C-alpha atoms as a PDB file:
ATOM      1  CA  MET A   1      -5.562  23.738  13.745  1.00  0.00           C
ATOM      2  CA  GLY A   2      -7.594  23.833  10.542  1.00  0.00           C
ATOM      3  CA  GLN A   3      -9.043  27.094   9.289  1.00  0.00           C
ATOM      4  CA  ASN A   4     -12.817  27.478   9.635  1.00  0.00           C
ATOM      5  CA  VAL A   5     -14.491  28.093   6.279  1.00  0.00           C
ATOM      6  CA  SER A   6     -18.098  29.042   5.552  1.00  0.00           C
ATOM      7  CA  GLU A   7     -20.372  29.262   2.538  1.00  0.00           C
ATOM      8  CA  ALA A   8     -19.248  32.860   2.052  1.00  0.00           C
ATOM      9  CA  ASP A   9     -15.548  32.091   1.523  1.00  0.00           C
ATOM     10  CA  PHE A  10     -15.547  28.431   0.467  1.00  0.00           C
ATOM     11  CA  ALA A  11     -14.954  29.268  -3.209  1.00  0.00           C
ATOM     12  CA  THR A  12     -11.938  31.477  -2.519  1.00  0.00           C
ATOM     13  CA  GLN A  13     -10.431  29.508   0.375  1.00  0.00           C
ATOM     14  CA  VAL A  14     -10.963  26.005  -1.010  1.00  0.00           C
ATOM     15  CA  ILE A  15     -11.791  25.894  -4.716  1.00  0.00           C
ATOM     16  CA  ASP A  16      -9.363  28.636  -5.761  1.00  0.00           C
ATOM     17  CA  GLN A  17      -6.603  27.854  -3.265  1.00  0.00           C
ATOM     18  CA  SER A  18      -6.599  24.126  -4.117  1.00  0.00           C
ATOM     19  CA  SER A  19      -4.923  24.991  -7.419  1.00  0.00           C
ATOM     20  CA  LYS A  20      -1.878  25.995  -5.358  1.00  0.00           C
ATOM     21  CA  THR A  21      -2.034  23.521  -2.453  1.00  0.00           C
ATOM     22  CA  PRO A  22      -4.347  20.514  -1.962  1.00  0.00           C
ATOM     23  CA  ILE A  23      -7.087  21.328   0.566  1.00  0.00           C
ATOM     24  CA  LEU A  24      -8.548  18.707   2.898  1.00  0.00           C
ATOM     25  CA  VAL A  25     -12.025  19.814   3.996  1.00  0.00           C
ATOM     26  CA  ASP A  26     -13.311  18.333   7.257  1.00  0.00           C
ATOM     27  CA  PHE A  27     -17.123  18.528   7.450  1.00  0.00           C
ATOM     28  CA  TRP A  28     -17.997  18.338  11.159  1.00  0.00           C
ATOM     29  CA  ALA A  29     -20.350  19.555  13.920  1.00  0.00           C
ATOM     30  CA  GLU A  30     -19.958  20.505  17.579  1.00  0.00           C
ATOM     31  CA  TRP A  31     -22.175  17.664  18.837  1.00  0.00           C
ATOM     32  CA  CYS A  32     -20.351  14.950  16.840  1.00  0.00           C
ATOM     33  CA  GLY A  33     -18.190  12.682  19.042  1.00  0.00           C
ATOM     34  CA  PRO A  34     -16.382  10.945  16.148  1.00  0.00           C
ATOM     35  CA  CYS A  35     -15.565  14.404  14.737  1.00  0.00           C
ATOM     36  CA  ARG A  36     -13.699  15.234  17.941  1.00  0.00           C
ATOM     37  CA  MET A  37     -11.793  11.947  17.602  1.00  0.00           C
ATOM     38  CA  LEU A  38     -10.755  12.656  14.017  1.00  0.00           C
ATOM     39  CA  THR A  39      -9.731  16.302  14.461  1.00  0.00           C
ATOM     40  CA  PRO A  40      -6.411  15.704  16.318  1.00  0.00           C
ATOM     41  CA  VAL A  41      -5.452  13.059  13.742  1.00  0.00           C
ATOM     42  CA  LEU A  42      -6.003  15.486  10.866  1.00  0.00           C
ATOM     43  CA  GLU A  43      -4.156  18.290  12.651  1.00  0.00           C
ATOM     44  CA  LYS A  44      -1.199  16.039  13.438  1.00  0.00           C
ATOM     45  CA  LEU A  45      -0.920  14.889   9.827  1.00  0.00           C
ATOM     46  CA  GLU A  46      -1.202  18.442   8.493  1.00  0.00           C
ATOM     47  CA  GLN A  47       1.874  19.338  10.547  1.00  0.00           C
ATOM     48  CA  GLU A  48       3.704  16.149   9.641  1.00  0.00           C
ATOM     49  CA  TYR A  49       3.094  16.557   5.902  1.00  0.00           C
ATOM     50  CA  ALA A  50       4.561  20.062   6.166  1.00  0.00           C
ATOM     51  CA  GLY A  51       2.703  21.904   3.430  1.00  0.00           C
ATOM     52  CA  ALA A  52       1.697  18.955   1.253  1.00  0.00           C
ATOM     53  CA  PHE A  53      -1.934  19.817   2.062  1.00  0.00           C
ATOM     54  CA  ARG A  54      -3.908  22.369   4.070  1.00  0.00           C
ATOM     55  CA  LEU A  55      -6.716  21.474   6.473  1.00  0.00           C
ATOM     56  CA  VAL A  56      -9.931  23.511   6.601  1.00  0.00           C
ATOM     57  CA  LYS A  57     -13.090  22.828   8.595  1.00  0.00           C
ATOM     58  CA  VAL A  58     -16.745  23.307   7.673  1.00  0.00           C
ATOM     59  CA  ASN A  59     -19.388  23.234  10.413  1.00  0.00           C
ATOM     60  CA  THR A  60     -22.315  21.438   8.766  1.00  0.00           C
ATOM     61  CA  ASP A  61     -24.885  22.892  11.192  1.00  0.00           C
ATOM     62  CA  GLU A  62     -23.882  26.403  10.182  1.00  0.00           C
ATOM     63  CA  ASN A  63     -23.294  25.635   6.497  1.00  0.00           C
ATOM     64  CA  GLN A  64     -26.064  23.255   5.472  1.00  0.00           C
ATOM     65  CA  ALA A  65     -26.016  24.381   1.829  1.00  0.00           C
ATOM     66  CA  LEU A  66     -22.362  23.330   1.510  1.00  0.00           C
ATOM     67  CA  ALA A  67     -23.119  20.007   3.171  1.00  0.00           C
ATOM     68  CA  GLY A  68     -25.916  19.445   0.677  1.00  0.00           C
ATOM     69  CA  GLN A  69     -23.783  20.516  -2.287  1.00  0.00           C
ATOM     70  CA  PHE A  70     -21.150  17.896  -1.482  1.00  0.00           C
ATOM     71  CA  GLN A  71     -23.697  15.239  -0.470  1.00  0.00           C
ATOM     72  CA  ILE A  72     -22.574  14.987   3.145  1.00  0.00           C
ATOM     73  CA  THR A  73     -24.897  12.386   4.677  1.00  0.00           C
ATOM     74  CA  GLY A  74     -22.747  11.474   7.687  1.00  0.00           C
ATOM     75  CA  ILE A  75     -19.998  13.166   9.653  1.00  0.00           C
ATOM     76  CA  PRO A  76     -17.142  13.444  10.036  1.00  0.00           C
ATOM     77  CA  ALA A  77     -16.715  13.535   6.272  1.00  0.00           C
ATOM     78  CA  CYS A  78     -13.571  14.634   4.469  1.00  0.00           C
ATOM     79  CA  ARG A  79     -13.153  15.812   0.886  1.00  0.00           C
ATOM     80  CA  LEU A  80      -9.729  16.410  -0.644  1.00  0.00           C
ATOM     81  CA  PHE A  81      -9.698  19.176  -3.246  1.00  0.00           C
ATOM     82  CA  VAL A  82      -6.977  19.382  -5.882  1.00  0.00           C
ATOM     83  CA  ASN A  83      -7.172  21.977  -8.668  1.00  0.00           C
ATOM     84  CA  GLY A  84     -10.738  22.839  -7.737  1.00  0.00           C
ATOM     85  CA  GLN A  85     -12.018  19.257  -7.901  1.00  0.00           C
ATOM     86  CA  VAL A  86     -12.655  16.537  -5.327  1.00  0.00           C
ATOM     87  CA  ALA A  87      -9.722  14.135  -5.705  1.00  0.00           C
ATOM     88  CA  GLY A  88     -10.722  11.770  -2.902  1.00  0.00           C
ATOM     89  CA  GLU A  89     -13.061  11.405   0.056  1.00  0.00           C
ATOM     90  CA  PHE A  90     -13.815   9.358   3.145  1.00  0.00           C
ATOM     91  CA  THR A  91     -16.440   9.298   5.894  1.00  0.00           C
ATOM     92  CA  GLY A  92     -16.027   8.395   9.550  1.00  0.00           C
ATOM     93  CA  ALA A  93     -13.346   8.711  12.211  1.00  0.00           C
ATOM     94  CA  LEU A  94     -10.679   6.626  10.499  1.00  0.00           C
ATOM     95  CA  PRO A  95      -7.573   5.662  12.490  1.00  0.00           C
ATOM     96  CA  GLU A  96      -4.363   7.549  11.747  1.00  0.00           C
ATOM     97  CA  HIS A  97      -2.837   4.845   9.551  1.00  0.00           C
ATOM     98  CA  ALA A  98      -5.943   4.788   7.348  1.00  0.00           C
ATOM     99  CA  VAL A  99      -6.010   8.584   6.960  1.00  0.00           C
ATOM    100  CA  ARG A 100      -2.301   8.531   6.180  1.00  0.00           C
ATOM    101  CA  ARG A 101      -2.884   5.917   3.501  1.00  0.00           C
ATOM    102  CA  PHE A 102      -5.726   8.008   2.045  1.00  0.00           C
ATOM    103  CA  LEU A 103      -3.420  11.021   1.812  1.00  0.00           C
ATOM    104  CA  ASP A 104      -0.566   9.025   0.319  1.00  0.00           C
ATOM    105  CA  GLN A 105      -2.904   7.647  -2.316  1.00  0.00           C
ATOM    106  CA  HIS A 106      -4.528  10.938  -3.345  1.00  0.00           C
ATOM    107  CA  LEU A 107      -2.043  13.751  -2.773  1.00  0.00           C
ATOM    108  CA  PRO A 108       0.073  14.798  -5.752  1.00  0.00           C
ATOM    109  CA  ARG A 109       3.612  13.545  -5.112  1.00  0.00           C
ATOM    110  CA  PRO A 110       6.113  14.554  -7.815  1.00  0.00           C
ATOM    111  CA  GLU A 111       8.934  12.631  -6.116  1.00  0.00           C
ATOM    112  CA  LEU A 112       7.005   9.390  -6.643  1.00  0.00           C
ATOM    113  CA  ASP A 113       6.659  10.105 -10.350  1.00  0.00           C
ATOM    114  CA  GLU A 114      10.423  10.554 -10.536  1.00  0.00           C
ATOM    115  CA  LEU A 115      11.108   7.321  -8.668  1.00  0.00           C
ATOM    116  CA  SER A 116       8.547   5.416 -10.752  1.00  0.00           C
ATOM    117  CA  ALA A 117      10.463   6.467 -13.856  1.00  0.00           C
ATOM    118  CA  LEU A 118      13.787   5.472 -12.265  1.00  0.00           C
ATOM    119  CA  ALA A 119      12.329   2.094 -11.288  1.00  0.00           C
ATOM    120  CA  GLN A 120      12.029   1.220 -14.972  1.00  0.00           C
ATOM    121  CA  THR A 121      15.815   1.379 -15.413  1.00  0.00           C
ATOM    122  CA  ASP A 122      17.245   0.921 -11.904  1.00  0.00           C
ATOM    123  CA  PRO A 123      14.588  -0.624  -9.653  1.00  0.00           C
ATOM    124  CA  VAL A 124      16.946  -1.295  -6.751  1.00  0.00           C
ATOM    125  CA  ALA A 125      18.131   2.322  -6.581  1.00  0.00           C
ATOM    126  CA  ALA A 126      14.540   3.562  -6.822  1.00  0.00           C
ATOM    127  CA  ALA A 127      13.444   1.235  -4.006  1.00  0.00           C
ATOM    128  CA  ASP A 128      16.359   2.319  -1.811  1.00  0.00           C
ATOM    129  CA  MET A 129      15.438   5.980  -2.318  1.00  0.00           C
ATOM    130  CA  ALA A 130      11.758   5.327  -1.523  1.00  0.00           C
ATOM    131  CA  ILE A 131      12.760   3.657   1.752  1.00  0.00           C
ATOM    132  CA  GLU A 132      15.306   6.344   2.666  1.00  0.00           C
ATOM    133  CA  ARG A 133      12.700   9.077   2.114  1.00  0.00           C
ATOM    134  CA  HIS A 134      10.125   7.167   4.202  1.00  0.00           C
ATOM    135  CA  LEU A 135       7.632   7.278   1.328  1.00  0.00           C
ATOM    136  CA  SER A 136       4.448   5.298   1.837  1.00  0.00           C
ATOM    137  CA  GLY A 137       1.258   4.398   0.037  1.00  0.00           C
ATOM    138  CA  PRO A 138       0.507   2.073  -2.889  1.00  0.00           C
ATOM    139  CA  ALA A 139       2.742   3.873  -5.410  1.00  0.00           C
ATOM    140  CA  ALA A 140       5.757   3.835  -3.078  1.00  0.00           C
ATOM    141  CA  GLU A 141       5.156   0.182  -2.191  1.00  0.00           C
ATOM    142  CA  GLU A 142       5.039  -0.723  -5.878  1.00  0.00           C
ATOM    143  CA  ILE A 143       8.432   0.932  -6.366  1.00  0.00           C
ATOM    144  CA  VAL A 144       9.847  -1.079  -3.463  1.00  0.00           C
ATOM    145  CA  TRP A 145       8.334  -4.259  -4.881  1.00  0.00           C
ATOM    146  CA  PHE A 146      10.116  -3.651  -8.204  1.00  0.00           C
ATOM    147  CA  GLY A 147      13.344  -3.538  -6.181  1.00  0.00           C
ATOM    148  CA  VAL A 148      12.429  -6.782  -4.426  1.00  0.00           C
ATOM    149  CA  GLN A 149      11.829  -8.517  -7.751  1.00  0.00           C
ATOM    150  CA  SER A 150      15.124  -7.250  -9.148  1.00  0.00           C
ATOM    151  CA  LEU A 151      17.160  -8.469  -6.166  1.00  0.00           C
ATOM    152  CA  LEU A 152      15.286 -11.761  -6.137  1.00  0.00           C
ATOM    153  CA  GLU A 153      16.078 -12.278  -9.808  1.00  0.00           C
ATOM    154  CA  SER A 154      19.778 -11.476  -9.399  1.00  0.00           C
ATOM    155  CA  GLY A 155      20.127 -13.656  -6.308  1.00  0.00           C
ATOM    156  CA  ASN A 156      22.452 -11.088  -4.766  1.00  0.00           C
ATOM    157  CA  ASP A 157      22.378  -9.130  -1.501  1.00  0.00           C
ATOM    158  CA  SER A 158      19.782 -11.025   0.500  1.00  0.00           C
ATOM    159  CA  ALA A 159      20.194  -8.597   3.423  1.00  0.00           C
ATOM    160  CA  ARG A 160      19.140  -5.707   1.218  1.00  0.00           C
ATOM    161  CA  LEU A 161      16.233  -7.748  -0.113  1.00  0.00           C
ATOM    162  CA  LEU A 162      15.019  -8.517   3.404  1.00  0.00           C
ATOM    163  CA  GLU A 163      15.235  -4.829   4.326  1.00  0.00           C
ATOM    164  CA  MET A 164      12.990  -3.970   1.377  1.00  0.00           C
ATOM    165  CA  LEU A 165      10.513  -6.682   2.329  1.00  0.00           C
ATOM    166  CA  GLY A 166      10.451  -5.400   5.893  1.00  0.00           C
ATOM    167  CA  SER A 167       9.548  -1.899   4.712  1.00  0.00           C
ATOM    168  CA  ILE A 168       6.291  -3.116   3.157  1.00  0.00           C
ATOM    169  CA  PRO A 169       3.354  -2.856   5.607  1.00  0.00           C
ATOM    170  CA  GLU A 170       2.284  -6.177   7.112  1.00  0.00           C
ATOM    171  CA  VAL A 171      -1.341  -5.411   6.256  1.00  0.00           C
ATOM    172  CA  GLY A 172      -3.151  -3.079   3.901  1.00  0.00           C
ATOM    173  CA  SER A 173      -0.703  -3.058   1.004  1.00  0.00           C
ATOM    174  CA  PRO A 174      -1.247  -4.868  -2.324  1.00  0.00           C
ATOM    175  CA  PHE A 175       2.135  -6.457  -1.605  1.00  0.00           C
ATOM    176  CA  SER A 176       1.627  -7.329   2.081  1.00  0.00           C
ATOM    177  CA  ASP A 177       0.803 -11.006   1.570  1.00  0.00           C
ATOM    178  CA  ARG A 178       3.651 -11.560  -0.887  1.00  0.00           C
ATOM    179  CA  ALA A 179       6.211  -9.835   1.330  1.00  0.00           C
ATOM    180  CA  ARG A 180       5.039 -11.740   4.416  1.00  0.00           C
ATOM    181  CA  SER A 181       5.153 -15.011   2.512  1.00  0.00           C
ATOM    182  CA  ILE A 182       8.782 -14.506   1.447  1.00  0.00           C
ATOM    183  CA  LEU A 183       9.813 -13.521   4.974  1.00  0.00           C
ATOM    184  CA  ASP A 184       8.140 -16.654   6.332  1.00  0.00           C
ATOM    185  CA  PHE A 185       9.918 -18.681   3.632  1.00  0.00           C
ATOM    186  CA  VAL A 186      13.265 -17.312   4.822  1.00  0.00           C
ATOM    187  CA  ALA A 187      12.348 -18.059   8.432  1.00  0.00           C
ATOM    188  CA  ARG A 188      11.718 -21.706   7.474  1.00  0.00           C
ATOM    189  CA  ASN A 189      14.637 -22.228   5.116  1.00  0.00           C
ATOM    190  CA  GLY A 190      17.289 -19.557   5.709  1.00  0.00           C
ATOM    191  CA  GLU A 191      18.471 -16.671   3.528  1.00  0.00           C
ATOM    192  CA  HIS A 192      20.395 -18.964   1.198  1.00  0.00           C
ATOM    193  CA  ALA A 193      17.101 -20.518   0.062  1.00  0.00           C
ATOM    194  CA  LEU A 194      16.050 -17.248  -1.598  1.00  0.00           C
ATOM    195  CA  ARG A 195      18.003 -18.377  -4.650  1.00  0.00           C
ATOM    196  CA  SER A 196      15.486 -21.152  -5.205  1.00  0.00           C
ATOM    197  CA  LEU A 197      12.778 -18.526  -5.775  1.00  0.00           C
ATOM    198  CA  ALA A 198      14.786 -16.594  -8.372  1.00  0.00           C
ATOM    199  CA  PRO A 199      13.611 -18.702 -11.370  1.00  0.00           C
ATOM    200  CA  LEU A 200      10.033 -17.595 -10.661  1.00  0.00           C
ATOM    201  CA  THR A 201      10.938 -14.125 -11.945  1.00  0.00           C
ATOM    202  CA  LYS A 202      11.396 -15.544 -15.464  1.00  0.00           C
ATOM    203  CA  SER A 203       8.427 -17.044 -17.302  1.00  0.00           C
ATOM    204  CA  ALA A 204      10.534 -19.716 -19.045  1.00  0.00           C
ATOM    205  CA  SER A 205      11.502 -21.374 -15.755  1.00  0.00           C
ATOM    206  CA  GLN A 206       8.321 -20.936 -13.711  1.00  0.00           C
ATOM    207  CA  SER A 207       6.722 -24.273 -14.563  1.00  0.00           C
ATOM    208  CA  GLN A 208       9.840 -26.297 -13.754  1.00  0.00           C
ATOM    209  CA  THR A 209      10.308 -24.401 -10.490  1.00  0.00           C
ATOM    210  CA  LEU A 210       6.744 -25.133  -9.402  1.00  0.00           C
ATOM    211  CA  GLU A 211       7.264 -28.776 -10.327  1.00  0.00           C
ATOM    212  CA  THR A 212      10.371 -28.883  -8.151  1.00  0.00           C
ATOM    213  CA  PHE A 213       8.550 -27.432  -5.151  1.00  0.00           C
ATOM    214  CA  LEU A 214       5.570 -29.754  -5.727  1.00  0.00           C
ATOM    215  CA  SER A 215       7.860 -32.789  -5.744  1.00  0.00           C
ATOM    216  CA  LYS A 216       9.121 -31.802  -2.290  1.00  0.00           C
ATOM    217  CA  VAL A 217       5.560 -32.047  -1.014  1.00  0.00           C
ATOM    218  CA  ALA A 218       5.225 -35.509  -2.565  1.00  0.00           C
ATOM    219  CA  GLU A 219       8.549 -36.677  -1.139  1.00  0.00           C
ATOM    220  CA  ALA A 220       7.965 -35.394   2.401  1.00  0.00           C
ATOM    221  CA  GLU A 221       8.162 -38.212   4.940  1.00  0.00           C
ATOM    222  CA  THR A 222       6.529 -36.527   7.933  1.00  0.00           C
ATOM    223  CA  LYS A 223       3.514 -34.320   8.452  1.00  0.00           C
ATOM    224  CA  ALA A 224       5.745 -31.426   9.509  1.00  0.00           C
ATOM    225  CA  GLU A 225       7.932 -31.779   6.415  1.00  0.00           C
ATOM    226  CA  ARG A 226       4.851 -31.945   4.191  1.00  0.00           C
ATOM    227  CA  GLU A 227       3.371 -28.805   5.744  1.00  0.00           C
ATOM    228  CA  ALA A 228       6.663 -26.903   5.331  1.00  0.00           C
ATOM    229  CA  ALA A 229       6.923 -28.005   1.693  1.00  0.00           C
ATOM    230  CA  ARG A 230       3.306 -27.019   1.088  1.00  0.00           C
ATOM    231  CA  SER A 231       3.968 -23.591   2.608  1.00  0.00           C
ATOM    232  CA  ASP A 232       6.972 -23.138   0.330  1.00  0.00           C
ATOM    233  CA  LEU A 233       4.831 -23.912  -2.712  1.00  0.00           C
ATOM    234  CA  ILE A 234       2.225 -21.414  -1.482  1.00  0.00           C
ATOM    235  CA  THR A 235       5.016 -18.818  -1.384  1.00  0.00           C
ATOM    236  CA  CYS A 236       5.607 -19.536  -5.060  1.00  0.00           C
ATOM    237  CA  PHE A 237       1.908 -19.010  -5.741  1.00  0.00           C
ATOM    238  CA  GLN A 238       1.997 -15.704  -3.899  1.00  0.00           C
ATOM    239  CA  LEU A 239       4.941 -14.476  -5.953  1.00  0.00           C
ATOM    240  CA  LEU A 240       3.333 -15.386  -9.257  1.00  0.00           C
ATOM    241  CA  GLY A 241      -0.092 -14.001  -8.335  1.00  0.00           C
ATOM    242  CA  ASN A 242      -3.565 -15.490  -8.510  1.00  0.00           C
ATOM    243  CA  GLY A 243      -4.043 -14.405 -12.108  1.00  0.00           C
ATOM    244  CA  ASN A 244      -1.232 -16.658 -13.326  1.00  0.00           C
ATOM    245  CA  GLU A 245      -2.478 -19.754 -15.188  1.00  0.00           C
ATOM    246  CA  LEU A 246       0.318 -21.855 -13.735  1.00  0.00           C
ATOM    247  CA  VAL A 247      -0.886 -21.032 -10.236  1.00  0.00           C
ATOM    248  CA  ASP A 248      -4.339 -22.415 -11.040  1.00  0.00           C
ATOM    249  CA  GLU A 249      -2.788 -25.536 -12.568  1.00  0.00           C
ATOM    250  CA  TYR A 250      -0.483 -26.249  -9.640  1.00  0.00           C
ATOM    251  CA  ARG A 251      -3.083 -25.467  -7.005  1.00  0.00           C
ATOM    252  CA  LYS A 252      -5.121 -28.315  -8.504  1.00  0.00           C
ATOM    253  CA  LYS A 253      -2.075 -30.587  -8.569  1.00  0.00           C
ATOM    254  CA  LEU A 254      -1.354 -29.774  -4.926  1.00  0.00           C
ATOM    255  CA  ALA A 255      -4.969 -30.470  -3.951  1.00  0.00           C
ATOM    256  CA  ARG A 256      -4.904 -33.855  -5.715  1.00  0.00           C
ATOM    257  CA  LEU A 257      -1.651 -34.723  -3.992  1.00  0.00           C
ATOM    258  CA  LEU A 258      -2.876 -33.811  -0.519  1.00  0.00           C
ATOM    259  CA  TYR A 259      -6.486 -34.908  -0.670  1.00  0.00           C
END
């Protein structure tokens, strides 16, 4: 259960102590129903994170000056303090997965810095370690994605590649759509077909690869075959990203072909 903090000891218990351990401050009130919903989530995560942060609670009715100082206009409201400064904040009774993602994004995590450095030289090993340690959040998912790209490029160990893809959240991650698209591609075509995506990892072969997938749409003889071929090309678009000029070019070519 989080420690109750008031205006009298906020500076020592939050500002000063946050230089040693991140402090998550929960601004709440007795009459607030959503506050009562959020409290058990915060307490559970404090235990689960085992010292990565400390939870304290501020009753806004009893500490209105603090609420005003930190511009609390709705409750529950949480502020994460690191080294005496607000490192992140959210308002409302977020579900557990959203609070977890907030913490993963804002808490200092030295192990992620180490794995990010390793990912530059051995992305597969870094991704394996991130999965083994059950690391989550955008930084961890980026490390895993580097491993996915490396295995996709090499064309080896499809089972390992699928395990990495499966570790990426189905929703909420910057890599969710791309991971889901590759998994759907495998479901349509089998693991062996992953090799056909490998050229997309190298800029010199991307155009020819897109042309190959586009030709399958043109050559499809049935509606079902055409839809499957179109979906495969969309997977290519997902892998390359919307900012890629080739994606814009081939989206237009696909539209002209279909419509």
